[in-house]
Amino acid sequence: MIADTQHERRLLQQMLVDACGNDSMPDIGALLVKLVVKDRAFAKYGAGAAVAVGEMTFDFHGMVREVGFRGVEALDGRIDEMLEALMS
């Protein structure tokens, strides 16, 4: 949906990690988290899940503050948890 290739997904993840590691970019980090979540929701569950992510009221800024500094693995784990909760 957002990233068409694995290379683009890796670039998106790297931009997310960079934004999360920079205290002056919380809005960019939150937006990138939302894009990654929507992309993963679409890939795992289809278009309806991506729409559901857009409608949810989740604190993406909080996610950036809580786990962003831990890197890709921590973000991936948190994103997977969030999607499982959304789809259950």
N, C-alpha and C. Protein backbone atom coordinates (compact mmCIF):
# COMPACT_ATOMS: atom_id res chain seq x y z
N MET A 1 0.82 -1.19 0.00
CA MET A 1 0.00 0.00 0.00
C MET A 1 0.86 1.25 0.00
N ILE A 2 1.82 1.30 0.88
CA ILE A 2 2.68 2.47 0.97
C ILE A 2 4.04 2.17 0.36
N ALA A 3 4.63 1.10 0.82
CA ALA A 3 5.93 0.68 0.30
C ALA A 3 5.71 -0.50 -0.65
N ASP A 4 6.13 -0.35 -1.88
CA ASP A 4 5.87 -1.38 -2.89
C ASP A 4 6.92 -2.48 -2.92
N THR A 5 8.10 -2.22 -2.41
CA THR A 5 9.16 -3.22 -2.45
C THR A 5 9.79 -3.37 -1.06
N GLN A 6 10.53 -4.44 -0.89
CA GLN A 6 11.25 -4.64 0.37
C GLN A 6 12.25 -3.52 0.61
N HIS A 7 12.88 -3.06 -0.45
CA HIS A 7 13.84 -1.96 -0.33
C HIS A 7 13.15 -0.72 0.22
N GLU A 8 11.97 -0.39 -0.31
CA GLU A 8 11.23 0.77 0.18
C GLU A 8 10.81 0.57 1.63
N ARG A 9 10.44 -0.64 2.00
CA ARG A 9 10.07 -0.91 3.40
C ARG A 9 11.27 -0.70 4.32
N ARG A 10 12.43 -1.16 3.90
CA ARG A 10 13.64 -0.96 4.71
C ARG A 10 13.97 0.52 4.84
N LEU A 11 13.82 1.27 3.75
CA LEU A 11 14.06 2.71 3.81
C LEU A 11 13.08 3.39 4.77
N LEU A 12 11.82 3.01 4.69
CA LEU A 12 10.81 3.57 5.59
C LEU A 12 11.15 3.26 7.04
N GLN A 13 11.56 2.02 7.31
CA GLN A 13 11.95 1.65 8.67
C GLN A 13 13.18 2.44 9.13
N GLN A 14 14.14 2.62 8.24
CA GLN A 14 15.34 3.36 8.63
C GLN A 14 15.01 4.82 8.92
N MET A 15 14.15 5.42 8.10
CA MET A 15 13.72 6.79 8.37
C MET A 15 13.00 6.87 9.71
N LEU A 16 12.20 5.86 10.02
CA LEU A 16 11.49 5.82 11.29
C LEU A 16 12.46 5.75 12.46
N VAL A 17 13.43 4.88 12.37
CA VAL A 17 14.42 4.75 13.45
C VAL A 17 15.19 6.06 13.60
N ASP A 18 15.57 6.68 12.50
CA ASP A 18 16.29 7.95 12.56
C ASP A 18 15.44 9.03 13.23
N ALA A 19 14.16 9.10 12.85
CA ALA A 19 13.27 10.11 13.43
C ALA A 19 13.04 9.85 14.92
N CYS A 20 12.91 8.59 15.29
CA CYS A 20 12.69 8.25 16.70
C CYS A 20 13.92 8.54 17.55
N GLY A 21 15.08 8.47 16.96
CA GLY A 21 16.31 8.74 17.68
C GLY A 21 16.65 10.21 17.78
N ASN A 22 15.83 11.06 17.20
CA ASN A 22 16.08 12.49 17.17
C ASN A 22 14.97 13.20 17.94
N ASP A 23 15.30 13.78 19.08
CA ASP A 23 14.30 14.43 19.93
C ASP A 23 13.59 15.60 19.26
N SER A 24 14.16 16.14 18.22
CA SER A 24 13.54 17.29 17.56
C SER A 24 12.57 16.89 16.45
N MET A 25 12.32 15.58 16.27
CA MET A 25 11.46 15.13 15.18
C MET A 25 10.31 14.22 15.66
N PRO A 26 9.64 14.54 16.78
CA PRO A 26 8.59 13.63 17.26
C PRO A 26 7.40 13.53 16.30
N ASP A 27 7.05 14.61 15.64
CA ASP A 27 5.92 14.57 14.71
C ASP A 27 6.23 13.70 13.49
N ILE A 28 7.45 13.81 13.00
CA ILE A 28 7.86 12.99 11.86
C ILE A 28 7.90 11.52 12.28
N GLY A 29 8.43 11.24 13.45
CA GLY A 29 8.46 9.87 13.96
C GLY A 29 7.06 9.29 14.08
N ALA A 30 6.13 10.08 14.62
CA ALA A 30 4.74 9.60 14.78
C ALA A 30 4.09 9.34 13.43
N LEU A 31 4.32 10.21 12.47
CA LEU A 31 3.76 10.01 11.12
C LEU A 31 4.35 8.76 10.48
N LEU A 32 5.64 8.56 10.61
CA LEU A 32 6.28 7.39 10.02
C LEU A 32 5.81 6.10 10.70
N VAL A 33 5.59 6.14 12.02
CA VAL A 33 5.04 4.96 12.71
C VAL A 33 3.68 4.63 12.11
N LYS A 34 2.85 5.63 11.94
CA LYS A 34 1.52 5.40 11.38
C LYS A 34 1.61 4.82 9.98
N LEU A 35 2.52 5.31 9.16
CA LEU A 35 2.69 4.77 7.80
C LEU A 35 3.15 3.32 7.83
N VAL A 36 4.08 3.00 8.72
CA VAL A 36 4.56 1.62 8.83
C VAL A 36 3.42 0.72 9.31
N VAL A 37 2.65 1.18 10.28
CA VAL A 37 1.52 0.39 10.78
C VAL A 37 0.51 0.15 9.66
N LYS A 38 0.18 1.19 8.91
CA LYS A 38 -0.78 1.03 7.81
C LYS A 38 -0.25 0.07 6.75
N ASP A 39 1.03 0.18 6.43
CA ASP A 39 1.63 -0.69 5.43
C ASP A 39 1.59 -2.14 5.91
N ARG A 40 1.95 -2.37 7.16
CA ARG A 40 1.95 -3.73 7.69
C ARG A 40 0.53 -4.27 7.80
N ALA A 41 -0.42 -3.44 8.19
CA ALA A 41 -1.82 -3.87 8.28
C ALA A 41 -2.33 -4.29 6.91
N PHE A 42 -2.01 -3.52 5.90
CA PHE A 42 -2.44 -3.84 4.54
C PHE A 42 -1.81 -5.16 4.09
N ALA A 43 -0.51 -5.31 4.34
CA ALA A 43 0.19 -6.52 3.90
C ALA A 43 -0.32 -7.77 4.62
N LYS A 44 -0.63 -7.66 5.91
CA LYS A 44 -1.04 -8.83 6.69
C LYS A 44 -2.53 -9.12 6.61
N TYR A 45 -3.35 -8.06 6.61
CA TYR A 45 -4.78 -8.25 6.78
C TYR A 45 -5.64 -7.68 5.65
N GLY A 46 -5.05 -6.93 4.74
CA GLY A 46 -5.82 -6.39 3.62
C GLY A 46 -6.20 -4.93 3.81
N ALA A 47 -6.89 -4.41 2.80
CA ALA A 47 -7.22 -2.99 2.74
C ALA A 47 -8.08 -2.53 3.92
N GLY A 48 -8.99 -3.38 4.36
CA GLY A 48 -9.86 -3.01 5.48
C GLY A 48 -9.09 -2.70 6.74
N ALA A 49 -8.03 -3.44 6.97
CA ALA A 49 -7.20 -3.20 8.16
C ALA A 49 -6.47 -1.88 8.06
N ALA A 50 -6.00 -1.54 6.87
CA ALA A 50 -5.31 -0.26 6.69
C ALA A 50 -6.26 0.90 6.95
N VAL A 51 -7.51 0.75 6.53
CA VAL A 51 -8.52 1.78 6.80
C VAL A 51 -8.77 1.87 8.30
N ALA A 52 -8.84 0.72 8.96
CA ALA A 52 -9.08 0.70 10.41
C ALA A 52 -7.95 1.41 11.16
N VAL A 53 -6.73 1.26 10.70
CA VAL A 53 -5.60 1.95 11.34
C VAL A 53 -5.78 3.46 11.21
N GLY A 54 -6.23 3.91 10.06
CA GLY A 54 -6.44 5.33 9.85
C GLY A 54 -7.52 5.91 10.76
N GLU A 55 -8.46 5.07 11.17
CA GLU A 55 -9.56 5.53 12.01
C GLU A 55 -9.30 5.37 13.50
N MET A 56 -8.25 4.64 13.87
CA MET A 56 -8.02 4.38 15.29
C MET A 56 -7.42 5.59 15.98
N THR A 57 -7.69 5.68 17.26
CA THR A 57 -7.15 6.78 18.06
C THR A 57 -6.03 6.22 18.93
N PHE A 58 -4.88 6.06 18.34
CA PHE A 58 -3.73 5.52 19.04
C PHE A 58 -2.70 6.62 19.19
N ASP A 59 -2.02 6.63 20.29
CA ASP A 59 -1.01 7.65 20.57
C ASP A 59 0.31 7.26 19.90
N PHE A 60 0.45 7.62 18.63
CA PHE A 60 1.68 7.31 17.91
C PHE A 60 2.87 8.08 18.48
N HIS A 61 2.63 9.29 18.99
CA HIS A 61 3.72 10.03 19.64
C HIS A 61 4.23 9.27 20.86
N GLY A 62 3.31 8.68 21.61
CA GLY A 62 3.70 7.89 22.78
C GLY A 62 4.53 6.69 22.39
N MET A 63 4.16 6.06 21.29
CA MET A 63 4.93 4.91 20.82
C MET A 63 6.35 5.33 20.47
N VAL A 64 6.49 6.47 19.83
CA VAL A 64 7.82 6.97 19.48
C VAL A 64 8.63 7.20 20.75
N ARG A 65 8.01 7.81 21.75
CA ARG A 65 8.72 8.10 23.01
C ARG A 65 9.07 6.82 23.77
N GLU A 66 8.15 5.85 23.77
CA GLU A 66 8.33 4.64 24.58
C GLU A 66 9.32 3.65 24.00
N VAL A 67 9.23 3.37 22.71
CA VAL A 67 10.06 2.30 22.13
C VAL A 67 10.93 2.73 20.97
N GLY A 68 10.75 3.93 20.49
CA GLY A 68 11.49 4.36 19.30
C GLY A 68 12.99 4.31 19.45
N PHE A 69 13.47 4.67 20.63
CA PHE A 69 14.92 4.71 20.84
C PHE A 69 15.54 3.32 20.89
N ARG A 70 14.72 2.28 21.02
CA ARG A 70 15.25 0.91 21.11
C ARG A 70 15.56 0.28 19.76
N GLY A 71 15.11 0.91 18.68
CA GLY A 71 15.45 0.42 17.35
C GLY A 71 14.33 -0.34 16.67
N VAL A 72 14.67 -0.90 15.51
CA VAL A 72 13.70 -1.53 14.62
C VAL A 72 13.00 -2.71 15.28
N GLU A 73 13.74 -3.56 15.98
CA GLU A 73 13.13 -4.75 16.56
C GLU A 73 12.05 -4.39 17.57
N ALA A 74 12.34 -3.41 18.41
CA ALA A 74 11.36 -2.98 19.41
C ALA A 74 10.13 -2.38 18.75
N LEU A 75 10.35 -1.56 17.73
CA LEU A 75 9.23 -0.96 17.01
C LEU A 75 8.41 -2.03 16.30
N ASP A 76 9.09 -2.97 15.65
CA ASP A 76 8.37 -4.04 14.96
C ASP A 76 7.51 -4.84 15.92
N GLY A 77 8.06 -5.17 17.08
CA GLY A 77 7.30 -5.91 18.07
C GLY A 77 6.08 -5.16 18.55
N ARG A 78 6.25 -3.88 18.81
CA ARG A 78 5.13 -3.05 19.28
C ARG A 78 4.07 -2.89 18.19
N ILE A 79 4.50 -2.73 16.95
CA ILE A 79 3.56 -2.61 15.83
C ILE A 79 2.77 -3.90 15.67
N ASP A 80 3.44 -5.05 15.75
CA ASP A 80 2.74 -6.33 15.66
C ASP A 80 1.72 -6.50 16.78
N GLU A 81 2.09 -6.12 18.00
CA GLU A 81 1.16 -6.18 19.13
C GLU A 81 -0.07 -5.31 18.87
N MET A 82 0.17 -4.11 18.38
CA MET A 82 -0.92 -3.18 18.12
C MET A 82 -1.86 -3.73 17.05
N LEU A 83 -1.31 -4.30 15.99
CA LEU A 83 -2.15 -4.84 14.92
C LEU A 83 -2.95 -6.05 15.39
N GLU A 84 -2.32 -6.90 16.19
CA GLU A 84 -3.06 -8.06 16.72
C GLU A 84 -4.22 -7.61 17.58
N ALA A 85 -4.01 -6.59 18.40
CA ALA A 85 -5.09 -6.07 19.24
C ALA A 85 -6.19 -5.44 18.39
N LEU A 86 -5.81 -4.75 17.35
CA LEU A 86 -6.78 -4.10 16.47
C LEU A 86 -7.63 -5.12 15.73
N MET A 87 -7.01 -6.21 15.30
CA MET A 87 -7.72 -7.19 14.48
C MET A 87 -8.45 -8.25 15.31
N SER A 88 -8.27 -8.24 16.63
CA SER A 88 -8.97 -9.25 17.44
C SER A 88 -10.33 -8.78 17.89
